[in-house]
Amino acid sequence: AWAGTTYRDLETLALRLAELGPLTPAALRDATGTSRK
């Protein structure tokens, strides 16, 4: 679970990356600095 504000920030980031091209899990992992989980 994430705090609501954090989740919305992650959602915005994922949408912006998906506009540049198909978003892979690896690309999102690198952008967020988190793990595959």
PDB file of all heavy atoms in Angstrom:
ATOM      1  N   ALA A   1       0.848  -1.185   0.000  1.00  0.00           N
ATOM      2  CA  ALA A   1       0.000   0.000   0.000  1.00  0.00           C
ATOM      3  C   ALA A   1       0.886   1.238   0.000  1.00  0.00           C
ATOM      4  O   ALA A   1       2.019   1.215   0.496  1.00  0.00           O
ATOM      5  CB  ALA A   1      -0.920   0.006   1.213  1.00  0.00           C
ATOM      6  N   TRP A   2       0.387   2.306  -0.606  1.00  0.00           N
ATOM      7  CA  TRP A   2       1.064   3.599  -0.607  1.00  0.00           C
ATOM      8  C   TRP A   2       0.152   4.655   0.008  1.00  0.00           C
ATOM      9  O   TRP A   2      -1.083   4.502  -0.006  1.00  0.00           O
ATOM     10  CB  TRP A   2       1.388   4.034  -2.029  1.00  0.00           C
ATOM     11  CG  TRP A   2       2.592   3.393  -2.644  1.00  0.00           C
ATOM     12  CD1 TRP A   2       3.898   3.684  -2.418  1.00  0.00           C
ATOM     13  CD2 TRP A   2       2.584   2.340  -3.606  1.00  0.00           C
ATOM     14  NE1 TRP A   2       4.724   2.889  -3.170  1.00  0.00           N
ATOM     15  CE2 TRP A   2       3.944   2.051  -3.922  1.00  0.00           C
ATOM     16  CE3 TRP A   2       1.597   1.597  -4.259  1.00  0.00           C
ATOM     17  CZ2 TRP A   2       4.319   1.080  -4.840  1.00  0.00           C
ATOM     18  CZ3 TRP A   2       1.963   0.633  -5.163  1.00  0.00           C
ATOM     19  CH2 TRP A   2       3.319   0.368  -5.440  1.00  0.00           C
ATOM     20  N   ALA A   3       0.735   5.691   0.521  1.00  0.00           N
ATOM     21  CA  ALA A   3      -0.055   6.877   0.857  1.00  0.00           C
ATOM     22  C   ALA A   3      -0.724   7.369  -0.417  1.00  0.00           C
ATOM     23  O   ALA A   3      -0.178   7.236  -1.522  1.00  0.00           O
ATOM     24  CB  ALA A   3       0.832   7.959   1.452  1.00  0.00           C
ATOM     25  N   GLY A   4      -1.907   7.952  -0.292  1.00  0.00           N
ATOM     26  CA  GLY A   4      -2.652   8.364  -1.476  1.00  0.00           C
ATOM     27  C   GLY A   4      -1.884   9.330  -2.356  1.00  0.00           C
ATOM     28  O   GLY A   4      -1.893   9.205  -3.588  1.00  0.00           O
ATOM     29  N   THR A   5      -1.198  10.286  -1.750  1.00  0.00           N
ATOM     30  CA  THR A   5      -0.444  11.253  -2.554  1.00  0.00           C
ATOM     31  C   THR A   5       0.706  10.574  -3.288  1.00  0.00           C
ATOM     32  O   THR A   5       0.976  10.877  -4.453  1.00  0.00           O
ATOM     33  CB  THR A   5       0.095  12.361  -1.636  1.00  0.00           C
ATOM     34  OG1 THR A   5       0.843  11.770  -0.560  1.00  0.00           O
ATOM     35  CG2 THR A   5      -1.051  13.194  -1.060  1.00  0.00           C
ATOM     36  N   THR A   6       1.377   9.626  -2.645  1.00  0.00           N
ATOM     37  CA  THR A   6       2.487   8.916  -3.280  1.00  0.00           C
ATOM     38  C   THR A   6       1.984   8.063  -4.441  1.00  0.00           C
ATOM     39  O   THR A   6       2.601   8.017  -5.512  1.00  0.00           O
ATOM     40  CB  THR A   6       3.206   8.039  -2.245  1.00  0.00           C
ATOM     41  OG1 THR A   6       3.645   8.858  -1.165  1.00  0.00           O
ATOM     42  CG2 THR A   6       4.394   7.331  -2.875  1.00  0.00           C
ATOM     43  N   TYR A   7       0.863   7.384  -4.243  1.00  0.00           N
ATOM     44  CA  TYR A   7       0.309   6.554  -5.313  1.00  0.00           C
ATOM     45  C   TYR A   7      -0.036   7.415  -6.530  1.00  0.00           C
ATOM     46  O   TYR A   7       0.259   7.038  -7.681  1.00  0.00           O
ATOM     47  CB  TYR A   7      -0.930   5.829  -4.810  1.00  0.00           C
ATOM     48  CG  TYR A   7      -1.619   4.992  -5.867  1.00  0.00           C
ATOM     49  CD1 TYR A   7      -1.218   3.698  -6.121  1.00  0.00           C
ATOM     50  CD2 TYR A   7      -2.664   5.519  -6.630  1.00  0.00           C
ATOM     51  CE1 TYR A   7      -1.840   2.921  -7.092  1.00  0.00           C
ATOM     52  CE2 TYR A   7      -3.283   4.769  -7.604  1.00  0.00           C
ATOM     53  CZ  TYR A   7      -2.870   3.469  -7.834  1.00  0.00           C
ATOM     54  OH  TYR A   7      -3.477   2.717  -8.824  1.00  0.00           O
ATOM     55  N   ARG A   8      -0.622   8.579  -6.308  1.00  0.00           N
ATOM     56  CA  ARG A   8      -0.995   9.421  -7.438  1.00  0.00           C
ATOM     57  C   ARG A   8       0.247   9.947  -8.163  1.00  0.00           C
ATOM     58  O   ARG A   8       0.250  10.100  -9.398  1.00  0.00           O
ATOM     59  CB  ARG A   8      -1.898  10.559  -6.958  1.00  0.00           C
ATOM     60  CG  ARG A   8      -3.310  10.067  -6.610  1.00  0.00           C
ATOM     61  CD  ARG A   8      -4.235  11.199  -6.244  1.00  0.00           C
ATOM     62  NE  ARG A   8      -3.967  11.725  -4.906  1.00  0.00           N
ATOM     63  CZ  ARG A   8      -4.463  11.208  -3.795  1.00  0.00           C
ATOM     64  NH1 ARG A   8      -5.233  10.141  -3.847  1.00  0.00           N
ATOM     65  NH2 ARG A   8      -4.194  11.752  -2.618  1.00  0.00           N
ATOM     66  N   ASP A   9       1.323  10.223  -7.416  1.00  0.00           N
ATOM     67  CA  ASP A   9       2.571  10.637  -8.054  1.00  0.00           C
ATOM     68  C   ASP A   9       3.128   9.506  -8.922  1.00  0.00           C
ATOM     69  O   ASP A   9       3.605   9.754 -10.055  1.00  0.00           O
ATOM     70  CB  ASP A   9       3.600  11.038  -6.993  1.00  0.00           C
ATOM     71  CG  ASP A   9       3.245  12.340  -6.302  1.00  0.00           C
ATOM     72  OD1 ASP A   9       2.419  13.092  -6.853  1.00  0.00           O
ATOM     73  OD2 ASP A   9       3.786  12.600  -5.204  1.00  0.00           O
ATOM     74  N   LEU A  10       3.075   8.269  -8.416  1.00  0.00           N
ATOM     75  CA  LEU A  10       3.562   7.126  -9.187  1.00  0.00           C
ATOM     76  C   LEU A  10       2.699   6.896 -10.428  1.00  0.00           C
ATOM     77  O   LEU A  10       3.210   6.552 -11.507  1.00  0.00           O
ATOM     78  CB  LEU A  10       3.574   5.872  -8.308  1.00  0.00           C
ATOM     79  CG  LEU A  10       4.579   5.867  -7.144  1.00  0.00           C
ATOM     80  CD1 LEU A  10       4.354   4.659  -6.247  1.00  0.00           C
ATOM     81  CD2 LEU A  10       6.023   5.874  -7.684  1.00  0.00           C
ATOM     82  N   GLU A  11       1.408   7.089 -10.296  1.00  0.00           N
ATOM     83  CA  GLU A  11       0.501   6.936 -11.439  1.00  0.00           C
ATOM     84  C   GLU A  11       0.822   7.971 -12.518  1.00  0.00           C
ATOM     85  O   GLU A  11       0.899   7.656 -13.719  1.00  0.00           O
ATOM     86  CB  GLU A  11      -0.955   7.092 -10.971  1.00  0.00           C
ATOM     87  CG  GLU A  11      -1.978   7.028 -12.092  1.00  0.00           C
ATOM     88  CD  GLU A  11      -3.390   7.286 -11.612  1.00  0.00           C
ATOM     89  OE1 GLU A  11      -3.616   7.354 -10.390  1.00  0.00           O
ATOM     90  OE2 GLU A  11      -4.279   7.436 -12.467  1.00  0.00           O
ATOM     91  N   THR A  12       1.061   9.214 -12.111  1.00  0.00           N
ATOM     92  CA  THR A  12       1.398  10.271 -13.073  1.00  0.00           C
ATOM     93  C   THR A  12       2.707   9.956 -13.802  1.00  0.00           C
ATOM     94  O   THR A  12       2.831  10.131 -15.021  1.00  0.00           O
ATOM     95  CB  THR A  12       1.512  11.621 -12.336  1.00  0.00           C
ATOM     96  OG1 THR A  12       0.258  11.911 -11.699  1.00  0.00           O
ATOM     97  CG2 THR A  12       1.854  12.735 -13.298  1.00  0.00           C
ATOM     98  N   LEU A  13       3.684   9.460 -13.023  1.00  0.00           N
ATOM     99  CA  LEU A  13       4.973   9.099 -13.628  1.00  0.00           C
ATOM    100  C   LEU A  13       4.803   7.973 -14.634  1.00  0.00           C
ATOM    101  O   LEU A  13       5.357   8.020 -15.753  1.00  0.00           O
ATOM    102  CB  LEU A  13       5.963   8.698 -12.539  1.00  0.00           C
ATOM    103  CG  LEU A  13       7.333   8.180 -13.008  1.00  0.00           C
ATOM    104  CD1 LEU A  13       8.070   9.252 -13.819  1.00  0.00           C
ATOM    105  CD2 LEU A  13       8.164   7.720 -11.828  1.00  0.00           C
ATOM    106  N   ALA A  14       4.049   6.949 -14.309  1.00  0.00           N
ATOM    107  CA  ALA A  14       3.840   5.822 -15.210  1.00  0.00           C
ATOM    108  C   ALA A  14       3.142   6.273 -16.492  1.00  0.00           C
ATOM    109  O   ALA A  14       3.495   5.835 -17.601  1.00  0.00           O
ATOM    110  CB  ALA A  14       3.031   4.743 -14.512  1.00  0.00           C
ATOM    111  N   LEU A  15       2.157   7.147 -16.393  1.00  0.00           N
ATOM    112  CA  LEU A  15       1.458   7.636 -17.593  1.00  0.00           C
ATOM    113  C   LEU A  15       2.392   8.445 -18.490  1.00  0.00           C
ATOM    114  O   LEU A  15       2.355   8.335 -19.727  1.00  0.00           O
ATOM    115  CB  LEU A  15       0.255   8.495 -17.161  1.00  0.00           C
ATOM    116  CG  LEU A  15      -1.008   7.729 -16.716  1.00  0.00           C
ATOM    117  CD1 LEU A  15      -2.021   8.684 -16.114  1.00  0.00           C
ATOM    118  CD2 LEU A  15      -1.612   6.992 -17.915  1.00  0.00           C
ATOM    119  N   ARG A  16       3.233   9.278 -17.878  1.00  0.00           N
ATOM    120  CA  ARG A  16       4.155  10.084 -18.679  1.00  0.00           C
ATOM    121  C   ARG A  16       5.150   9.191 -19.426  1.00  0.00           C
ATOM    122  O   ARG A  16       5.434   9.413 -20.614  1.00  0.00           O
ATOM    123  CB  ARG A  16       4.897  11.057 -17.763  1.00  0.00           C
ATOM    124  CG  ARG A  16       5.704  12.095 -18.563  1.00  0.00           C
ATOM    125  CD  ARG A  16       6.146  13.268 -17.701  1.00  0.00           C
ATOM    126  NE  ARG A  16       7.038  12.844 -16.627  1.00  0.00           N
ATOM    127  CZ  ARG A  16       6.738  12.863 -15.349  1.00  0.00           C
ATOM    128  NH1 ARG A  16       5.555  13.299 -14.959  1.00  0.00           N
ATOM    129  NH2 ARG A  16       7.613  12.476 -14.425  1.00  0.00           N
ATOM    130  N   LEU A  17       5.620   8.138 -18.773  1.00  0.00           N
ATOM    131  CA  LEU A  17       6.550   7.223 -19.443  1.00  0.00           C
ATOM    132  C   LEU A  17       5.839   6.430 -20.536  1.00  0.00           C
ATOM    133  O   LEU A  17       6.433   6.143 -21.592  1.00  0.00           O
ATOM    134  CB  LEU A  17       7.169   6.270 -18.423  1.00  0.00           C
ATOM    135  CG  LEU A  17       8.097   6.909 -17.367  1.00  0.00           C
ATOM    136  CD1 LEU A  17       8.520   5.889 -16.319  1.00  0.00           C
ATOM    137  CD2 LEU A  17       9.327   7.508 -18.059  1.00  0.00           C
ATOM    138  N   ALA A  18       4.569   6.056 -20.296  1.00  0.00           N
ATOM    139  CA  ALA A  18       3.827   5.279 -21.294  1.00  0.00           C
ATOM    140  C   ALA A  18       3.549   6.098 -22.547  1.00  0.00           C
ATOM    141  O   ALA A  18       3.380   5.546 -23.640  1.00  0.00           O
ATOM    142  CB  ALA A  18       2.519   4.780 -20.694  1.00  0.00           C
ATOM    143  N   GLU A  19       3.520   7.432 -22.444  1.00  0.00           N
ATOM    144  CA  GLU A  19       3.307   8.283 -23.619  1.00  0.00           C
ATOM    145  C   GLU A  19       4.526   8.291 -24.530  1.00  0.00           C
ATOM    146  O   GLU A  19       4.418   8.546 -25.740  1.00  0.00           O
ATOM    147  CB  GLU A  19       2.960   9.705 -23.173  1.00  0.00           C
ATOM    148  CG  GLU A  19       1.578   9.825 -22.522  1.00  0.00           C
ATOM    149  CD  GLU A  19       1.334  11.215 -21.965  1.00  0.00           C
ATOM    150  OE1 GLU A  19       2.300  12.012 -21.972  1.00  0.00           O
ATOM    151  OE2 GLU A  19       0.209  11.497 -21.535  1.00  0.00           O
ATOM    152  N   LEU A  20       5.682   8.008 -23.976  1.00  0.00           N
ATOM    153  CA  LEU A  20       6.918   8.006 -24.777  1.00  0.00           C
ATOM    154  C   LEU A  20       7.106   6.701 -25.532  1.00  0.00           C
ATOM    155  O   LEU A  20       7.934   6.629 -26.450  1.00  0.00           O
ATOM    156  CB  LEU A  20       8.118   8.250 -23.852  1.00  0.00           C
ATOM    157  CG  LEU A  20       8.089   9.552 -23.038  1.00  0.00           C
ATOM    158  CD1 LEU A  20       9.280   9.627 -22.101  1.00  0.00           C
ATOM    159  CD2 LEU A  20       8.068  10.748 -23.989  1.00  0.00           C
ATOM    160  N   GLY A  21       6.357   5.684 -25.112  1.00  0.00           N
ATOM    161  CA  GLY A  21       6.455   4.368 -25.743  1.00  0.00           C
ATOM    162  C   GLY A  21       5.994   3.314 -24.761  1.00  0.00           C
ATOM    163  O   GLY A  21       5.781   3.598 -23.571  1.00  0.00           O
ATOM    164  N   PRO A  22       5.796   2.066 -25.213  1.00  0.00           N
ATOM    165  CA  PRO A  22       5.345   1.023 -24.299  1.00  0.00           C
ATOM    166  C   PRO A  22       6.239   0.965 -23.063  1.00  0.00           C
ATOM    167  O   PRO A  22       7.463   0.923 -23.167  1.00  0.00           O
ATOM    168  CB  PRO A  22       5.441  -0.259 -25.135  1.00  0.00           C
ATOM    169  CG  PRO A  22       5.271   0.222 -26.544  1.00  0.00           C
ATOM    170  CD  PRO A  22       5.971   1.553 -26.596  1.00  0.00           C
ATOM    171  N   LEU A  23       5.605   0.973 -21.899  1.00  0.00           N
ATOM    172  CA  LEU A  23       6.317   1.030 -20.616  1.00  0.00           C
ATOM    173  C   LEU A  23       6.597  -0.384 -20.125  1.00  0.00           C
ATOM    174  O   LEU A  23       5.680  -1.181 -19.916  1.00  0.00           O
ATOM    175  CB  LEU A  23       5.468   1.784 -19.577  1.00  0.00           C
ATOM    176  CG  LEU A  23       6.040   1.866 -18.155  1.00  0.00           C
ATOM    177  CD1 LEU A  23       7.379   2.593 -18.141  1.00  0.00           C
ATOM    178  CD2 LEU A  23       5.035   2.553 -17.233  1.00  0.00           C
ATOM    179  N   THR A  24       7.871  -0.677 -19.898  1.00  0.00           N
ATOM    180  CA  THR A  24       8.260  -1.990 -19.377  1.00  0.00           C
ATOM    181  C   THR A  24       8.467  -1.903 -17.872  1.00  0.00           C
ATOM    182  O   THR A  24       8.763  -0.821 -17.326  1.00  0.00           O
ATOM    183  CB  THR A  24       9.555  -2.467 -20.032  1.00  0.00           C
ATOM    184  OG1 THR A  24      10.611  -1.565 -19.684  1.00  0.00           O
ATOM    185  CG2 THR A  24       9.404  -2.536 -21.562  1.00  0.00           C
ATOM    186  N   PRO A  25       8.367  -3.042 -17.173  1.00  0.00           N
ATOM    187  CA  PRO A  25       8.629  -3.032 -15.735  1.00  0.00           C
ATOM    188  C   PRO A  25      10.032  -2.533 -15.406  1.00  0.00           C
ATOM    189  O   PRO A  25      10.219  -1.825 -14.409  1.00  0.00           O
ATOM    190  CB  PRO A  25       8.438  -4.498 -15.347  1.00  0.00           C
ATOM    191  CG  PRO A  25       7.478  -5.046 -16.352  1.00  0.00           C
ATOM    192  CD  PRO A  25       7.832  -4.350 -17.643  1.00  0.00           C
ATOM    193  N   ALA A  26      11.002  -2.866 -16.231  1.00  0.00           N
ATOM    194  CA  ALA A  26      12.374  -2.443 -15.947  1.00  0.00           C
ATOM    195  C   ALA A  26      12.499  -0.928 -16.011  1.00  0.00           C
ATOM    196  O   ALA A  26      13.179  -0.299 -15.178  1.00  0.00           O
ATOM    197  CB  ALA A  26      13.337  -3.110 -16.918  1.00  0.00           C
ATOM    198  N   ALA A  27      11.854  -0.307 -17.035  1.00  0.00           N
ATOM    199  CA  ALA A  27      11.924   1.147 -17.170  1.00  0.00           C
ATOM    200  C   ALA A  27      11.278   1.837 -15.971  1.00  0.00           C
ATOM    201  O   ALA A  27      11.800   2.837 -15.441  1.00  0.00           O
ATOM    202  CB  ALA A  27      11.254   1.583 -18.463  1.00  0.00           C
ATOM    203  N   LEU A  28      10.130   1.321 -15.518  1.00  0.00           N
ATOM    204  CA  LEU A  28       9.459   1.925 -14.377  1.00  0.00           C
ATOM    205  C   LEU A  28      10.269   1.704 -13.103  1.00  0.00           C
ATOM    206  O   LEU A  28      10.345   2.586 -12.245  1.00  0.00           O
ATOM    207  CB  LEU A  28       8.050   1.330 -14.221  1.00  0.00           C
ATOM    208  CG  LEU A  28       7.175   1.950 -13.123  1.00  0.00           C
ATOM    209  CD1 LEU A  28       7.014   3.458 -13.317  1.00  0.00           C
ATOM    210  CD2 LEU A  28       5.814   1.269 -13.069  1.00  0.00           C
ATOM    211  N   ARG A  29      10.923   0.545 -12.987  1.00  0.00           N
ATOM    212  CA  ARG A  29      11.754   0.289 -11.807  1.00  0.00           C
ATOM    213  C   ARG A  29      12.902   1.278 -11.725  1.00  0.00           C
ATOM    214  O   ARG A  29      13.203   1.830 -10.664  1.00  0.00           O
ATOM    215  CB  ARG A  29      12.288  -1.140 -11.885  1.00  0.00           C
ATOM    216  CG  ARG A  29      13.145  -1.558 -10.685  1.00  0.00           C
ATOM    217  CD  ARG A  29      13.874  -2.833 -11.001  1.00  0.00           C
ATOM    218  NE  ARG A  29      14.747  -2.629 -12.155  1.00  0.00           N
ATOM    219  CZ  ARG A  29      15.253  -3.607 -12.897  1.00  0.00           C
ATOM    220  NH1 ARG A  29      14.961  -4.868 -12.633  1.00  0.00           N
ATOM    221  NH2 ARG A  29      16.045  -3.338 -13.929  1.00  0.00           N
ATOM    222  N   ASP A  30      13.541   1.521 -12.879  1.00  0.00           N
ATOM    223  CA  ASP A  30      14.659   2.461 -12.881  1.00  0.00           C
ATOM    224  C   ASP A  30      14.194   3.872 -12.565  1.00  0.00           C
ATOM    225  O   ASP A  30      14.891   4.639 -11.885  1.00  0.00           O
ATOM    226  CB  ASP A  30      15.357   2.431 -14.239  1.00  0.00           C
ATOM    227  CG  ASP A  30      16.034   1.094 -14.517  1.00  0.00           C
ATOM    228  OD1 ASP A  30      16.285   0.362 -13.518  1.00  0.00           O
ATOM    229  OD2 ASP A  30      16.283   0.787 -15.684  1.00  0.00           O
ATOM    230  N   ALA A  31      13.005   4.249 -13.074  1.00  0.00           N
ATOM    231  CA  ALA A  31      12.506   5.610 -12.865  1.00  0.00           C
ATOM    232  C   ALA A  31      12.106   5.855 -11.415  1.00  0.00           C
ATOM    233  O   ALA A  31      12.239   6.972 -10.900  1.00  0.00           O
ATOM    234  CB  ALA A  31      11.320   5.877 -13.783  1.00  0.00           C
ATOM    235  N   THR A  32      11.607   4.833 -10.730  1.00  0.00           N
ATOM    236  CA  THR A  32      11.139   5.006  -9.353  1.00  0.00           C
ATOM    237  C   THR A  32      12.198   4.657  -8.323  1.00  0.00           C
ATOM    238  O   THR A  32      12.074   5.026  -7.150  1.00  0.00           O
ATOM    239  CB  THR A  32       9.897   4.126  -9.101  1.00  0.00           C
ATOM    240  OG1 THR A  32      10.240   2.747  -9.343  1.00  0.00           O
ATOM    241  CG2 THR A  32       8.753   4.536 -10.005  1.00  0.00           C
ATOM    242  N   GLY A  33      13.246   3.912  -8.727  1.00  0.00           N
ATOM    243  CA  GLY A  33      14.268   3.501  -7.788  1.00  0.00           C
ATOM    244  C   GLY A  33      13.766   2.465  -6.798  1.00  0.00           C
ATOM    245  O   GLY A  33      14.274   2.384  -5.676  1.00  0.00           O
ATOM    246  N   THR A  34      12.771   1.690  -7.214  1.00  0.00           N
ATOM    247  CA  THR A  34      12.223   0.668  -6.321  1.00  0.00           C
ATOM    248  C   THR A  34      12.610  -0.713  -6.829  1.00  0.00           C
ATOM    249  O   THR A  34      13.517  -0.845  -7.649  1.00  0.00           O
ATOM    250  CB  THR A  34      10.686   0.790  -6.255  1.00  0.00           C
ATOM    251  OG1 THR A  34      10.147   0.622  -7.576  1.00  0.00           O
ATOM    252  CG2 THR A  34      10.275   2.155  -5.716  1.00  0.00           C
ATOM    253  N   SER A  35      11.903  -1.728  -6.373  1.00  0.00           N
ATOM    254  CA  SER A  35      12.168  -3.101  -6.799  1.00  0.00           C
ATOM    255  C   SER A  35      11.010  -3.608  -7.658  1.00  0.00           C
ATOM    256  O   SER A  35       9.957  -2.961  -7.770  1.00  0.00           O
ATOM    257  CB  SER A  35      12.338  -4.003  -5.580  1.00  0.00           C
ATOM    258  OG  SER A  35      11.105  -4.105  -4.879  1.00  0.00           O
ATOM    259  N   ARG A  36      11.236  -4.813  -8.263  1.00  0.00           N
ATOM    260  CA  ARG A  36      10.220  -5.397  -9.138  1.00  0.00           C
ATOM    261  C   ARG A  36       8.904  -5.637  -8.365  1.00  0.00           C
ATOM    262  O   ARG A  36       7.810  -5.550  -8.942  1.00  0.00           O
ATOM    263  CB  ARG A  36      10.749  -6.709  -9.708  1.00  0.00           C
ATOM    264  CG  ARG A  36       9.785  -7.384 -10.697  1.00  0.00           C
ATOM    265  CD  ARG A  36      10.417  -8.631 -11.297  1.00  0.00           C
ATOM    266  NE  ARG A  36       9.467  -9.310 -12.176  1.00  0.00           N
ATOM    267  CZ  ARG A  36       9.248  -8.982 -13.426  1.00  0.00           C
ATOM    268  NH1 ARG A  36       9.916  -7.967 -13.966  1.00  0.00           N
ATOM    269  NH2 ARG A  36       8.386  -9.645 -14.167  1.00  0.00           N
ATOM    270  N   LYS A  37       9.013  -5.943  -7.048  1.00  0.00           N
ATOM    271  CA  LYS A  37       7.822  -6.178  -6.230  1.00  0.00           C
ATOM    272  C   LYS A  37       6.842  -5.009  -6.326  1.00  0.00           C
ATOM    273  O   LYS A  37       5.638  -5.192  -6.558  1.00  0.00           O
ATOM    274  CB  LYS A  37       8.243  -6.405  -4.777  1.00  0.00           C
ATOM    275  CG  LYS A  37       7.118  -6.322  -3.756  1.00  0.00           C
ATOM    276  CD  LYS A  37       7.674  -6.390  -2.339  1.00  0.00           C
ATOM    277  CE  LYS A  37       6.600  -6.079  -1.315  1.00  0.00           C
ATOM    278  NZ  LYS A  37       7.119  -6.101   0.061  1.00  0.00           N
TER     279      LYS A  37
END
